[in-house]
Amino acid sequence: MPELPEVQTIVNTLAPTVVGQRIVGVQLNRADFLLPRGFDIESNLKNQTVTQVTRRGKRIVFSLGSDNQFYIHLGMSGRLTINRPDTPLVKHTHFIVKFPNFELRLCDPRRFGGVWWIGQQSSENDIGPEPLTIRSKELGAQLNKTSRAIKNALLDQKVVAGLGNIYVDESLFASGIHPLKPANKLSEKQIIRLNRAIKQTLRRALWHRGSTLKDYVDAEGGSGAFQKLHRVYDRAGLPCRNCKTPIKRIVLGGRSTCFCPKCQSLAAKD
């Protein structure tokens, strides 16, 4: 699933081409790919100018000249790319925004993503704070609300918005915290260390344009490179890059979770 670094990279590669451009047409190939259901997205987008493209959590938010907004979520396998109008459509292309000289196409084979019309409402209220700007005290306050395992808590978009399986595993390793540690049992030092690790991990991933494991490409079709630097994610059985202990894999909350049992001791308290 594209996470914050991948979504931000898409925004970075998309905005220079799309901002300031007028929408000349819309093609929705699956009615169930749009919320609210039955909304007339075509008439509300046609002839509108895109004034801004931003990211909120894992959402790609488009602002229009009418002061309305809509956002796209890529789900598990979504790709949002800029294409020439004469480029053949690939299978599972469910949504197309047409501009005078190019098209913005959303392809999603597994259909966990979609398009949400939010109009002039805020897109902020139903998800948590941003991990790149959250302060340690705020993170601690969020984590103190739940006794769930820290891995599961950080995956909850209402706790922190934008993190997913890859960057939670990597951040927990970087901070030396076991994924099963109850979120509300972290010490102040651990929270400070975790907050720092999350920011450093995300910034490194952004520098390398995200992680391409299977489906992810940016708006120009380019791949990420951060997967080459993963320290625990998808490395079960391989030696830890710090201590050479084999990386362990467990299933937590239905998600694959990788960690080093030595560097991330469950007994660690500081």
Protein backbone atom coordinates (compact mmCIF):
# COMPACT_ATOMS: atom_id res chain seq x y z
CA MET A 1 0.00 0.00 0.00
CA PRO A 2 1.41 3.42 -0.88
CA GLU A 3 2.24 5.24 2.35
CA LEU A 4 3.24 8.82 3.13
CA PRO A 5 6.56 8.84 1.19
CA GLU A 6 4.98 7.31 -1.90
CA VAL A 7 1.90 9.55 -1.80
CA GLN A 8 4.01 12.67 -1.24
CA THR A 9 6.28 11.71 -4.14
CA ILE A 10 3.22 11.36 -6.37
CA VAL A 11 2.04 14.81 -5.26
CA ASN A 12 5.50 16.25 -5.95
CA THR A 13 5.59 14.83 -9.47
CA LEU A 14 1.93 15.59 -10.19
CA ALA A 15 1.56 19.20 -9.03
CA PRO A 16 3.89 20.89 -11.55
CA THR A 17 1.89 19.46 -14.44
CA VAL A 18 -1.65 19.69 -13.07
CA VAL A 19 -1.82 22.91 -11.05
CA GLY A 20 -3.24 25.76 -13.11
CA GLN A 21 -4.74 23.42 -15.70
CA ARG A 22 -8.42 23.35 -16.68
CA ILE A 23 -10.36 20.10 -16.58
CA VAL A 24 -12.10 19.45 -19.91
CA GLY A 25 -13.69 16.11 -19.12
CA VAL A 26 -14.08 13.26 -16.64
CA GLN A 27 -14.55 9.54 -17.20
CA LEU A 28 -15.72 7.32 -14.34
CA ASN A 29 -15.61 3.68 -15.39
CA ARG A 30 -16.91 2.21 -12.12
CA ALA A 31 -19.74 3.88 -10.21
CA ASP A 32 -18.65 2.18 -6.96
CA PHE A 33 -15.25 3.84 -7.18
CA LEU A 34 -16.75 7.20 -6.18
CA LEU A 35 -18.13 8.45 -2.87
CA PRO A 36 -20.69 9.71 -2.23
CA ARG A 37 -22.43 7.21 -4.49
CA GLY A 38 -24.36 8.75 -7.34
CA PHE A 39 -22.60 12.11 -7.11
CA ASP A 40 -22.28 13.87 -10.47
CA ILE A 41 -18.50 14.15 -10.48
CA GLU A 42 -18.31 15.02 -14.18
CA SER A 43 -20.39 18.20 -14.08
CA ASN A 44 -18.71 19.33 -10.86
CA LEU A 45 -15.19 18.90 -12.26
CA LYS A 46 -15.63 19.93 -15.88
CA ASN A 47 -14.26 23.41 -16.66
CA GLN A 48 -12.78 23.71 -13.17
CA THR A 49 -9.15 24.73 -12.72
CA VAL A 50 -6.92 22.78 -10.35
CA THR A 51 -5.45 25.34 -7.95
CA GLN A 52 -3.50 23.03 -5.65
CA VAL A 53 -2.50 19.40 -5.15
CA THR A 54 -1.53 18.44 -1.59
CA ARG A 55 -1.25 15.41 0.66
CA ARG A 56 -3.15 14.69 3.87
CA GLY A 57 -2.19 11.35 5.39
CA LYS A 58 -2.35 8.93 2.46
CA ARG A 59 -4.82 11.11 0.55
CA ILE A 60 -4.02 13.11 -2.59
CA VAL A 61 -6.15 16.24 -2.24
CA PHE A 62 -7.13 18.35 -5.27
CA SER A 63 -8.32 21.92 -4.71
CA LEU A 64 -10.40 23.61 -7.39
CA GLY A 65 -11.10 27.19 -8.43
CA SER A 66 -14.63 26.79 -7.08
CA ASP A 67 -13.15 26.26 -3.57
CA ASN A 68 -14.31 22.66 -3.70
CA GLN A 69 -12.03 19.70 -3.10
CA PHE A 70 -11.87 16.01 -3.89
CA TYR A 71 -9.28 13.45 -2.91
CA ILE A 72 -7.94 10.19 -4.28
CA HIS A 73 -6.85 7.29 -2.10
CA LEU A 74 -4.66 4.70 -3.81
CA GLY A 75 -5.69 1.80 -1.58
CA MET A 76 -3.49 -1.28 -1.93
CA SER A 77 -2.55 -1.18 -5.59
CA GLY A 78 -3.58 2.17 -7.06
CA ARG A 79 -1.50 4.07 -9.60
CA LEU A 80 -2.14 7.70 -10.47
CA THR A 81 -0.21 8.70 -13.57
CA ILE A 82 -0.05 11.43 -16.20
CA ASN A 83 -0.62 10.09 -19.72
CA ARG A 84 -0.87 11.37 -23.26
CA PRO A 85 -4.50 11.20 -24.47
CA ASP A 86 -3.54 8.71 -27.21
CA THR A 87 -1.87 6.30 -24.77
CA PRO A 88 -3.82 2.99 -24.69
CA LEU A 89 -5.79 2.46 -21.49
CA VAL A 90 -4.43 -0.22 -19.21
CA LYS A 91 -6.77 -2.70 -17.56
CA HIS A 92 -8.45 -1.56 -14.31
CA THR A 93 -8.35 2.15 -15.18
CA HIS A 94 -11.40 3.30 -13.22
CA PHE A 95 -11.14 7.10 -13.25
CA ILE A 96 -9.78 9.60 -15.78
CA VAL A 97 -9.51 13.37 -15.45
CA LYS A 98 -8.98 14.94 -18.88
CA PHE A 99 -6.99 18.12 -19.47
CA PRO A 100 -6.34 19.86 -22.81
CA ASN A 101 -3.04 18.08 -23.47
CA PHE A 102 -2.90 15.14 -21.08
CA GLU A 103 -4.96 12.82 -18.90
CA LEU A 104 -4.71 11.88 -15.25
CA ARG A 105 -5.53 8.18 -14.94
CA LEU A 106 -6.24 6.15 -11.83
CA CYS A 107 -5.66 2.43 -12.21
CA ASP A 108 -6.46 0.14 -9.27
CA PRO A 109 -6.61 -3.64 -9.88
CA ARG A 110 -7.66 -4.51 -6.31
CA ARG A 111 -10.13 -1.60 -5.98
CA PHE A 112 -9.35 -0.72 -2.36
CA GLY A 113 -8.81 2.89 -3.39
CA GLY A 114 -11.24 5.41 -4.79
CA VAL A 115 -12.31 9.00 -5.33
CA TRP A 116 -13.99 11.05 -2.58
CA TRP A 117 -15.80 14.32 -3.23
CA ILE A 118 -15.55 16.52 -0.11
CA GLY A 119 -16.75 19.82 -1.54
CA GLN A 120 -15.95 22.72 0.76
CA GLN A 121 -15.71 20.57 3.88
CA SER A 122 -12.44 19.96 5.70
CA SER A 123 -10.47 16.83 4.86
CA GLU A 124 -8.71 17.03 8.23
CA ASN A 125 -11.19 15.99 10.88
CA ASP A 126 -11.44 12.23 10.49
CA ILE A 127 -7.73 11.35 10.62
CA GLY A 128 -4.91 11.95 13.06
CA PRO A 129 -1.97 14.36 13.04
CA GLU A 130 0.82 14.28 10.46
CA PRO A 131 3.89 12.24 11.50
CA LEU A 132 6.37 14.69 9.97
CA THR A 133 5.14 17.54 12.18
CA ILE A 134 3.77 15.84 15.28
CA ARG A 135 5.60 16.65 18.53
CA SER A 136 6.61 14.00 21.03
CA LYS A 137 4.06 15.18 23.62
CA GLU A 138 1.26 14.98 21.06
CA LEU A 139 2.39 11.53 19.93
CA GLY A 140 2.48 10.39 23.53
CA ALA A 141 -1.03 11.72 24.12
CA GLN A 142 -2.28 9.83 21.07
CA LEU A 143 -0.61 6.58 22.12
CA ASN A 144 -1.80 6.85 25.73
CA LYS A 145 -5.38 6.49 24.48
CA THR A 146 -4.91 2.83 23.54
CA SER A 147 -3.48 -0.36 25.03
CA ARG A 148 -3.11 -1.96 21.61
CA ALA A 149 0.30 -3.16 20.45
CA ILE A 150 2.33 -0.18 19.26
CA LYS A 151 2.47 -1.66 15.74
CA ASN A 152 -1.32 -1.72 15.51
CA ALA A 153 -1.69 1.72 17.09
CA LEU A 154 0.65 3.35 14.56
CA LEU A 155 -1.23 1.74 11.68
CA ASP A 156 -4.44 3.39 12.86
CA GLN A 157 -4.91 6.50 10.72
CA LYS A 158 -6.82 8.19 13.54
CA VAL A 159 -3.75 7.95 15.76
CA VAL A 160 -1.21 9.15 13.18
CA ALA A 161 -2.05 9.77 9.51
CA GLY A 162 0.13 8.44 6.73
CA LEU A 163 2.00 5.49 8.23
CA GLY A 164 1.62 1.92 6.98
CA ASN A 165 3.22 -1.47 7.32
CA ILE A 166 6.61 -0.61 5.79
CA TYR A 167 7.39 2.57 7.68
CA VAL A 168 5.97 1.42 11.01
CA ASP A 169 8.24 -1.65 10.96
CA GLU A 170 11.22 0.49 9.93
CA SER A 171 10.51 3.18 12.53
CA LEU A 172 10.05 0.68 15.36
CA PHE A 173 13.38 -0.92 14.45
CA ALA A 174 15.12 2.46 14.33
CA SER A 175 13.76 3.31 17.78
CA GLY A 176 14.48 -0.12 19.30
CA ILE A 177 10.84 -0.78 20.23
CA HIS A 178 9.23 -4.23 19.99
CA PRO A 179 6.06 -4.21 17.85
CA LEU A 180 4.08 -5.98 20.60
CA LYS A 181 4.81 -3.33 23.24
CA PRO A 182 1.49 -1.82 24.43
CA ALA A 183 1.20 1.71 23.08
CA ASN A 184 0.26 3.20 26.45
CA LYS A 185 3.24 1.55 28.18
CA LEU A 186 5.97 3.36 26.28
CA SER A 187 8.25 5.46 28.45
CA GLU A 188 8.80 9.14 27.73
CA LYS A 189 12.26 8.33 26.36
CA GLN A 190 10.82 5.69 24.05
CA ILE A 191 8.19 8.09 22.72
CA ILE A 192 10.82 10.75 22.02
CA ARG A 193 13.01 8.15 20.31
CA LEU A 194 10.07 6.80 18.31
CA ASN A 195 9.01 10.27 17.18
CA ARG A 196 12.53 11.01 16.00
CA ALA A 197 12.78 7.63 14.24
CA ILE A 198 9.48 8.10 12.41
CA LYS A 199 10.58 11.48 11.06
CA GLN A 200 14.04 10.28 10.05
CA THR A 201 12.68 7.16 8.36
CA LEU A 202 10.06 9.09 6.40
CA ARG A 203 12.53 11.77 5.32
CA ARG A 204 15.00 9.16 4.08
CA ALA A 205 12.22 7.41 2.19
CA LEU A 206 11.10 10.70 0.65
CA TRP A 207 14.67 11.40 -0.47
CA HIS A 208 14.66 8.02 -2.26
CA ARG A 209 11.18 8.63 -3.73
CA GLY A 210 9.48 5.89 -1.71
CA SER A 211 9.57 2.09 -1.85
CA THR A 212 8.59 0.18 -4.97
CA LEU A 213 7.73 -3.40 -4.03
CA LYS A 214 5.14 -4.26 -6.68
CA ASP A 215 2.69 -1.63 -7.92
CA TYR A 216 3.91 1.78 -6.83
CA VAL A 217 5.16 4.33 -9.35
CA ASP A 218 5.07 8.12 -9.16
CA ALA A 219 2.91 10.30 -11.43
CA GLU A 220 5.56 10.15 -14.15
CA GLY A 221 5.88 6.35 -13.98
CA GLY A 222 9.15 6.36 -12.01
CA SER A 223 9.96 3.82 -9.32
CA GLY A 224 11.18 4.39 -5.78
CA ALA A 225 14.47 3.09 -4.38
CA PHE A 226 14.03 3.03 -0.60
CA GLN A 227 13.24 -0.70 -0.66
CA LYS A 228 16.98 -1.26 -1.10
CA LEU A 229 17.54 0.32 2.33
CA HIS A 230 14.87 -1.55 4.33
CA ARG A 231 16.39 -2.81 7.54
CA VAL A 232 13.62 -5.18 8.69
CA TYR A 233 10.59 -4.96 6.42
CA ASP A 234 10.26 -8.09 4.23
CA ARG A 235 13.63 -9.38 5.50
CA ALA A 236 12.41 -12.32 7.62
CA GLY A 237 15.21 -14.84 8.20
CA LEU A 238 17.93 -12.49 6.97
CA PRO A 239 20.58 -11.19 9.40
CA CYS A 240 19.89 -7.92 11.21
CA ARG A 241 21.98 -5.14 9.69
CA ASN A 242 22.99 -4.12 13.24
CA CYS A 243 23.59 -7.30 15.22
CA LYS A 244 23.31 -10.18 12.66
CA THR A 245 20.44 -11.83 14.58
CA PRO A 246 17.92 -13.30 12.10
CA ILE A 247 14.98 -10.98 11.49
CA LYS A 248 11.77 -12.47 12.85
CA ARG A 249 8.33 -12.31 11.25
CA ILE A 250 5.00 -12.49 13.07
CA VAL A 251 1.45 -11.71 12.04
CA LEU A 252 -0.04 -8.90 14.08
CA GLY A 253 -3.55 -7.64 13.47
CA GLY A 254 -3.58 -9.55 10.20
CA ARG A 255 -0.44 -7.77 8.99
CA SER A 256 3.02 -9.18 8.44
CA THR A 257 5.40 -7.67 10.99
CA CYS A 258 9.19 -7.91 10.85
CA PHE A 259 11.59 -7.00 13.66
CA CYS A 260 14.90 -7.89 15.27
CA PRO A 261 14.28 -9.81 18.53
CA LYS A 262 17.62 -8.59 19.93
CA CYS A 263 17.63 -4.92 18.91
CA GLN A 264 13.92 -4.61 19.74
CA SER A 265 13.68 -6.47 23.02
CA LEU A 266 10.18 -6.56 24.51
CA ALA A 267 11.76 -6.20 27.97
CA ALA A 268 13.46 -2.91 27.13
CA LYS A 269 12.09 -0.09 29.31
CA ASP A 270 14.10 3.00 28.34
